[in-house]
Amino acid sequence: MAGLRFADLTKNPVDVLDFTSLTLDEFQLLVGPFETAFRAHMAAWQLDGHPRTARTYTTYRTCPLPTPEDRLLFILSYLKSNPLQVFHGRLFGIRQNKANQWIHTLRPVLRATLATLGDLPRRDLDDLACRLGMAPAQVQEPVAAAIPATDPVNPNADPTDHAPAPPPLFAMMAPNDPFHVPRMRQNRNVARAARRSATR
């Protein structure tokens, strides 16, 4: 099965941005550290997730992702679009079981690469403020402005009833699940059968 390759996208740099959310220059800067992390990972682990005990990793001629650029494109496009593994595998000319192995191999490699470069996503306001070079209070002001003052589930609730929780990194939306949808009553004529006399 022939599949998508990075060389196919270099003719139009906008395609790289569409597939990965990175410009061509940003993508090229990430390739070197990503390949270093990939080689370090494959020195200890096999593609199927078992510890490597025998020969070292080599890229075969028939490898579905033969170049570092192809491997980086594979995992970045998967994380951006979040497709089904069977669909993503078909896009790159890989069956679903092999696509699953590559995804589970390349995700920790990408995370290790971003950690080495100091570009991991920030999970709380203090880390974000440190990354932006700002005081935590300066980061909290825009976030607090995005959060509604009243509870969207119970707008009549007194906001002074409980201690305010620290604002989350992103504003939360109102609950949107099946339990908050009003149930529709169904009118059915139920027929019940009964015996005329008890069995002796």
C-alpha atoms as a PDB file:
ATOM      1  CA  MET A   1       0.000   0.000   0.000  1.00  0.00           C
ATOM      2  CA  ALA A   2       1.403   3.364  -1.004  1.00  0.00           C
ATOM      3  CA  GLY A   3       0.886   6.085   1.560  1.00  0.00           C
ATOM      4  CA  LEU A   4       1.486   9.716   2.344  1.00  0.00           C
ATOM      5  CA  ARG A   5       5.119  10.815   2.659  1.00  0.00           C
ATOM      6  CA  PHE A   6       6.667  14.043   3.889  1.00  0.00           C
ATOM      7  CA  ALA A   7       8.233  14.587   0.470  1.00  0.00           C
ATOM      8  CA  ASP A   8       4.709  14.875  -0.954  1.00  0.00           C
ATOM      9  CA  LEU A   9       3.973  17.890   1.259  1.00  0.00           C
ATOM     10  CA  THR A  10       7.178  19.864   0.713  1.00  0.00           C
ATOM     11  CA  LYS A  11       5.976  21.047  -2.692  1.00  0.00           C
ATOM     12  CA  ASN A  12       3.417  23.223  -0.901  1.00  0.00           C
ATOM     13  CA  PRO A  13       4.575  24.367   2.581  1.00  0.00           C
ATOM     14  CA  VAL A  14       0.992  25.280   3.528  1.00  0.00           C
ATOM     15  CA  ASP A  15       0.169  21.550   3.478  1.00  0.00           C
ATOM     16  CA  VAL A  16       2.723  20.957   6.239  1.00  0.00           C
ATOM     17  CA  LEU A  17       0.998  23.623   8.322  1.00  0.00           C
ATOM     18  CA  ASP A  18      -2.420  22.095   7.632  1.00  0.00           C
ATOM     19  CA  PHE A  19      -1.321  18.587   8.618  1.00  0.00           C
ATOM     20  CA  THR A  20       0.821  19.409  11.675  1.00  0.00           C
ATOM     21  CA  SER A  21       0.068  22.998  12.856  1.00  0.00           C
ATOM     22  CA  LEU A  22       3.783  23.727  12.317  1.00  0.00           C
ATOM     23  CA  THR A  23       5.371  25.751   9.570  1.00  0.00           C
ATOM     24  CA  LEU A  24       7.944  24.016   7.404  1.00  0.00           C
ATOM     25  CA  ASP A  25      10.809  25.752   9.255  1.00  0.00           C
ATOM     26  CA  GLU A  26       9.378  24.794  12.680  1.00  0.00           C
ATOM     27  CA  PHE A  27       8.919  21.226  11.497  1.00  0.00           C
ATOM     28  CA  GLN A  28      12.533  21.016  10.283  1.00  0.00           C
ATOM     29  CA  LEU A  29      13.810  22.327  13.644  1.00  0.00           C
ATOM     30  CA  LEU A  30      11.932  19.542  15.438  1.00  0.00           C
ATOM     31  CA  VAL A  31      13.169  16.689  13.224  1.00  0.00           C
ATOM     32  CA  GLY A  32      16.703  16.425  14.695  1.00  0.00           C
ATOM     33  CA  PRO A  33      15.744  16.232  18.401  1.00  0.00           C
ATOM     34  CA  PHE A  34      12.826  13.951  17.532  1.00  0.00           C
ATOM     35  CA  GLU A  35      15.097  11.479  15.726  1.00  0.00           C
ATOM     36  CA  THR A  36      17.558  11.528  18.641  1.00  0.00           C
ATOM     37  CA  ALA A  37      14.742  10.699  21.079  1.00  0.00           C
ATOM     38  CA  PHE A  38      13.444   8.030  18.688  1.00  0.00           C
ATOM     39  CA  ARG A  39      16.833   6.298  18.485  1.00  0.00           C
ATOM     40  CA  ALA A  40      17.175   6.409  22.288  1.00  0.00           C
ATOM     41  CA  HIS A  41      13.701   4.898  22.685  1.00  0.00           C
ATOM     42  CA  MET A  42      14.286   2.161  20.118  1.00  0.00           C
ATOM     43  CA  ALA A  43      17.599   1.239  21.761  1.00  0.00           C
ATOM     44  CA  ALA A  44      15.610   0.069  24.794  1.00  0.00           C
ATOM     45  CA  TRP A  45      12.260  -1.001  23.301  1.00  0.00           C
ATOM     46  CA  GLN A  46      10.927  -2.911  20.325  1.00  0.00           C
ATOM     47  CA  LEU A  47       8.116  -1.604  18.147  1.00  0.00           C
ATOM     48  CA  ASP A  48       5.640  -4.021  19.773  1.00  0.00           C
ATOM     49  CA  GLY A  49       6.406  -2.616  23.245  1.00  0.00           C
ATOM     50  CA  HIS A  50       8.644  -5.417  24.519  1.00  0.00           C
ATOM     51  CA  PRO A  51      12.093  -4.635  25.945  1.00  0.00           C
ATOM     52  CA  ARG A  52      14.874  -4.931  23.376  1.00  0.00           C
ATOM     53  CA  THR A  53      17.216  -7.780  24.278  1.00  0.00           C
ATOM     54  CA  ALA A  54      18.799  -8.850  20.979  1.00  0.00           C
ATOM     55  CA  ARG A  55      19.893  -6.842  17.947  1.00  0.00           C
ATOM     56  CA  THR A  56      19.795  -3.081  17.693  1.00  0.00           C
ATOM     57  CA  TYR A  57      17.140  -1.181  15.778  1.00  0.00           C
ATOM     58  CA  THR A  58      17.691  -0.596  12.072  1.00  0.00           C
ATOM     59  CA  THR A  59      15.300   0.947   9.571  1.00  0.00           C
ATOM     60  CA  TYR A  60      14.434  -1.675   6.969  1.00  0.00           C
ATOM     61  CA  ARG A  61      14.016  -0.889   3.290  1.00  0.00           C
ATOM     62  CA  THR A  62      10.337  -1.869   3.522  1.00  0.00           C
ATOM     63  CA  CYS A  63       9.646   0.242   6.623  1.00  0.00           C
ATOM     64  CA  PRO A  64       6.315   2.109   6.244  1.00  0.00           C
ATOM     65  CA  LEU A  65       7.819   5.228   7.869  1.00  0.00           C
ATOM     66  CA  PRO A  66      11.381   5.174   6.543  1.00  0.00           C
ATOM     67  CA  THR A  67      12.559   8.712   7.324  1.00  0.00           C
ATOM     68  CA  PRO A  68      12.523  10.838  10.506  1.00  0.00           C
ATOM     69  CA  GLU A  69      10.329  13.365   8.687  1.00  0.00           C
ATOM     70  CA  ASP A  70       7.757  10.675   7.875  1.00  0.00           C
ATOM     71  CA  ARG A  71       7.651   9.504  11.497  1.00  0.00           C
ATOM     72  CA  LEU A  72       7.242  13.045  12.818  1.00  0.00           C
ATOM     73  CA  LEU A  73       4.556  13.812  10.238  1.00  0.00           C
ATOM     74  CA  PHE A  74       2.743  10.592  11.193  1.00  0.00           C
ATOM     75  CA  ILE A  75       2.474  11.369  14.904  1.00  0.00           C
ATOM     76  CA  LEU A  76       1.854  15.132  14.588  1.00  0.00           C
ATOM     77  CA  SER A  77      -0.945  14.687  12.057  1.00  0.00           C
ATOM     78  CA  TYR A  78      -2.486  11.971  14.264  1.00  0.00           C
ATOM     79  CA  LEU A  79      -2.464  14.195  17.346  1.00  0.00           C
ATOM     80  CA  LYS A  80      -3.849  17.170  15.445  1.00  0.00           C
ATOM     81  CA  SER A  81      -6.768  15.466  13.708  1.00  0.00           C
ATOM     82  CA  ASN A  82      -7.403  12.532  16.120  1.00  0.00           C
ATOM     83  CA  PRO A  83      -8.681  10.134  13.421  1.00  0.00           C
ATOM     84  CA  LEU A  84      -9.515   6.463  13.753  1.00  0.00           C
ATOM     85  CA  GLN A  85      -6.368   4.359  13.684  1.00  0.00           C
ATOM     86  CA  VAL A  86      -7.605   2.400  10.679  1.00  0.00           C
ATOM     87  CA  PHE A  87      -8.145   5.643   8.762  1.00  0.00           C
ATOM     88  CA  HIS A  88      -4.799   7.132   9.779  1.00  0.00           C
ATOM     89  CA  GLY A  89      -3.023   3.911   8.919  1.00  0.00           C
ATOM     90  CA  ARG A  90      -4.613   3.831   5.471  1.00  0.00           C
ATOM     91  CA  LEU A  91      -3.506   7.430   4.895  1.00  0.00           C
ATOM     92  CA  PHE A  92       0.112   6.396   5.458  1.00  0.00           C
ATOM     93  CA  GLY A  93      -0.192   2.965   3.823  1.00  0.00           C
ATOM     94  CA  ILE A  94      -0.162   0.983   7.087  1.00  0.00           C
ATOM     95  CA  ARG A  95      -2.624  -1.544   8.472  1.00  0.00           C
ATOM     96  CA  GLN A  96      -4.448  -0.703  11.690  1.00  0.00           C
ATOM     97  CA  ASN A  97      -2.403  -3.001  13.946  1.00  0.00           C
ATOM     98  CA  LYS A  98       0.886  -1.474  12.734  1.00  0.00           C
ATOM     99  CA  ALA A  99      -0.537   2.032  12.974  1.00  0.00           C
ATOM    100  CA  ASN A 100      -1.398   1.277  16.608  1.00  0.00           C
ATOM    101  CA  GLN A 101       2.187   0.166  17.284  1.00  0.00           C
ATOM    102  CA  TRP A 102       3.672   3.250  15.658  1.00  0.00           C
ATOM    103  CA  ILE A 103       1.331   5.589  17.538  1.00  0.00           C
ATOM    104  CA  HIS A 104       2.190   4.024  20.903  1.00  0.00           C
ATOM    105  CA  THR A 105       5.886   4.176  20.031  1.00  0.00           C
ATOM    106  CA  LEU A 106       6.024   7.736  18.720  1.00  0.00           C
ATOM    107  CA  ARG A 107       3.844   9.482  21.318  1.00  0.00           C
ATOM    108  CA  PRO A 108       6.337   9.061  24.193  1.00  0.00           C
ATOM    109  CA  VAL A 109       9.136   9.937  21.766  1.00  0.00           C
ATOM    110  CA  LEU A 110       7.426  13.222  20.890  1.00  0.00           C
ATOM    111  CA  ARG A 111       6.772  13.933  24.569  1.00  0.00           C
ATOM    112  CA  ALA A 112      10.429  13.315  25.426  1.00  0.00           C
ATOM    113  CA  THR A 113      11.457  15.597  22.559  1.00  0.00           C
ATOM    114  CA  LEU A 114       9.233  18.438  23.736  1.00  0.00           C
ATOM    115  CA  ALA A 115      10.415  17.964  27.329  1.00  0.00           C
ATOM    116  CA  THR A 116      14.040  18.205  26.185  1.00  0.00           C
ATOM    117  CA  LEU A 117      13.305  21.408  24.265  1.00  0.00           C
ATOM    118  CA  GLY A 118      11.229  22.848  27.133  1.00  0.00           C
ATOM    119  CA  ASP A 119       8.102  23.028  24.985  1.00  0.00           C
ATOM    120  CA  LEU A 120       5.734  20.684  26.827  1.00  0.00           C
ATOM    121  CA  PRO A 121       2.214  22.122  27.287  1.00  0.00           C
ATOM    122  CA  ARG A 122       1.733  23.902  30.601  1.00  0.00           C
ATOM    123  CA  ARG A 123      -0.825  22.280  32.909  1.00  0.00           C
ATOM    124  CA  ASP A 124      -1.326  24.993  35.538  1.00  0.00           C
ATOM    125  CA  LEU A 125      -1.221  28.761  35.792  1.00  0.00           C
ATOM    126  CA  ASP A 126       2.068  28.946  37.707  1.00  0.00           C
ATOM    127  CA  ASP A 127       3.942  27.048  34.984  1.00  0.00           C
ATOM    128  CA  LEU A 128       2.261  29.137  32.301  1.00  0.00           C
ATOM    129  CA  ALA A 129       3.183  32.367  34.076  1.00  0.00           C
ATOM    130  CA  CYS A 130       6.789  31.185  34.425  1.00  0.00           C
ATOM    131  CA  ARG A 131       6.903  30.313  30.725  1.00  0.00           C
ATOM    132  CA  LEU A 132       5.480  33.711  29.720  1.00  0.00           C
ATOM    133  CA  GLY A 133       7.722  35.593  32.155  1.00  0.00           C
ATOM    134  CA  MET A 134       4.751  37.084  33.983  1.00  0.00           C
ATOM    135  CA  ALA A 135       3.467  37.119  37.541  1.00  0.00           C
ATOM    136  CA  PRO A 136       0.771  34.489  38.296  1.00  0.00           C
ATOM    137  CA  ALA A 137      -1.719  37.279  39.086  1.00  0.00           C
ATOM    138  CA  GLN A 138      -1.277  38.729  35.589  1.00  0.00           C
ATOM    139  CA  VAL A 139      -2.163  35.376  34.031  1.00  0.00           C
ATOM    140  CA  GLN A 140      -5.156  34.804  36.323  1.00  0.00           C
ATOM    141  CA  GLU A 141      -6.889  38.091  35.421  1.00  0.00           C
ATOM    142  CA  PRO A 142      -7.811  37.160  31.809  1.00  0.00           C
ATOM    143  CA  VAL A 143      -8.813  33.651  32.905  1.00  0.00           C
ATOM    144  CA  ALA A 144     -11.020  34.954  35.731  1.00  0.00           C
ATOM    145  CA  ALA A 145     -12.679  37.382  33.311  1.00  0.00           C
ATOM    146  CA  ALA A 146     -13.655  34.479  31.053  1.00  0.00           C
ATOM    147  CA  ILE A 147     -15.368  32.546  33.873  1.00  0.00           C
ATOM    148  CA  PRO A 148     -19.015  33.532  34.539  1.00  0.00           C
ATOM    149  CA  ALA A 149     -19.767  34.952  37.982  1.00  0.00           C
ATOM    150  CA  THR A 150     -22.840  32.761  38.449  1.00  0.00           C
ATOM    151  CA  ASP A 151     -23.162  29.024  38.398  1.00  0.00           C
ATOM    152  CA  PRO A 152     -24.550  28.006  34.968  1.00  0.00           C
ATOM    153  CA  VAL A 153     -26.315  24.981  36.513  1.00  0.00           C
ATOM    154  CA  ASN A 154     -27.989  26.947  39.326  1.00  0.00           C
ATOM    155  CA  PRO A 155     -28.030  30.688  38.478  1.00  0.00           C
ATOM    156  CA  ASN A 156     -29.937  31.546  41.686  1.00  0.00           C
ATOM    157  CA  ALA A 157     -27.212  30.115  43.938  1.00  0.00           C
ATOM    158  CA  ASP A 158     -25.486  32.540  46.264  1.00  0.00           C
ATOM    159  CA  PRO A 159     -21.811  32.784  45.218  1.00  0.00           C
ATOM    160  CA  THR A 160     -20.808  33.400  48.865  1.00  0.00           C
ATOM    161  CA  ASP A 161     -22.143  30.005  50.035  1.00  0.00           C
ATOM    162  CA  HIS A 162     -18.869  28.219  49.399  1.00  0.00           C
ATOM    163  CA  ALA A 163     -15.264  29.214  49.164  1.00  0.00           C
ATOM    164  CA  PRO A 164     -14.241  30.063  45.583  1.00  0.00           C
ATOM    165  CA  ALA A 165     -12.085  27.483  43.899  1.00  0.00           C
ATOM    166  CA  PRO A 166      -8.968  28.587  42.075  1.00  0.00           C
ATOM    167  CA  PRO A 167      -9.761  29.362  38.445  1.00  0.00           C
ATOM    168  CA  PRO A 168      -8.954  26.592  35.971  1.00  0.00           C
ATOM    169  CA  LEU A 169      -6.570  27.104  33.095  1.00  0.00           C
ATOM    170  CA  PHE A 170      -9.458  27.270  30.647  1.00  0.00           C
ATOM    171  CA  ALA A 171     -13.009  28.472  31.226  1.00  0.00           C
ATOM    172  CA  MET A 172     -15.441  25.623  31.785  1.00  0.00           C
ATOM    173  CA  MET A 173     -18.669  25.228  29.857  1.00  0.00           C
ATOM    174  CA  ALA A 174     -22.074  24.395  31.261  1.00  0.00           C
ATOM    175  CA  PRO A 175     -22.853  20.683  31.685  1.00  0.00           C
ATOM    176  CA  ASN A 176     -23.869  19.077  28.431  1.00  0.00           C
ATOM    177  CA  ASP A 177     -24.685  15.434  28.951  1.00  0.00           C
ATOM    178  CA  PRO A 178     -27.771  13.216  28.652  1.00  0.00           C
ATOM    179  CA  PHE A 179     -28.678  13.555  32.352  1.00  0.00           C
ATOM    180  CA  HIS A 180     -29.449  17.284  31.986  1.00  0.00           C
ATOM    181  CA  VAL A 181     -31.801  16.770  29.025  1.00  0.00           C
ATOM    182  CA  PRO A 182     -35.495  16.713  30.013  1.00  0.00           C
ATOM    183  CA  ARG A 183     -36.988  13.270  29.536  1.00  0.00           C
ATOM    184  CA  MET A 184     -39.908  12.890  27.193  1.00  0.00           C
ATOM    185  CA  ARG A 185     -42.909  10.978  28.499  1.00  0.00           C
ATOM    186  CA  GLN A 186     -44.105   8.164  26.343  1.00  0.00           C
ATOM    187  CA  ASN A 187     -47.749   7.144  26.252  1.00  0.00           C
ATOM    188  CA  ARG A 188     -48.159   3.439  25.678  1.00  0.00           C
ATOM    189  CA  ASN A 189     -51.115   1.156  26.035  1.00  0.00           C
ATOM    190  CA  VAL A 190     -49.752  -1.733  28.029  1.00  0.00           C
ATOM    191  CA  ALA A 191     -51.663  -4.980  27.715  1.00  0.00           C
ATOM    192  CA  ARG A 192     -51.498  -7.318  30.692  1.00  0.00           C
ATOM    193  CA  ALA A 193     -52.664 -10.887  30.663  1.00  0.00           C
ATOM    194  CA  ALA A 194     -54.044 -12.577  33.768  1.00  0.00           C
ATOM    195  CA  ARG A 195     -55.329 -16.054  34.488  1.00  0.00           C
ATOM    196  CA  ARG A 196     -59.020 -16.501  35.030  1.00  0.00           C
ATOM    197  CA  SER A 197     -58.602 -19.075  37.705  1.00  0.00           C
ATOM    198  CA  ALA A 198     -55.826 -20.443  39.782  1.00  0.00           C
ATOM    199  CA  THR A 199     -54.266 -23.695  38.695  1.00  0.00           C
ATOM    200  CA  ARG A 200     -55.117 -26.627  40.948  1.00  0.00           C
END
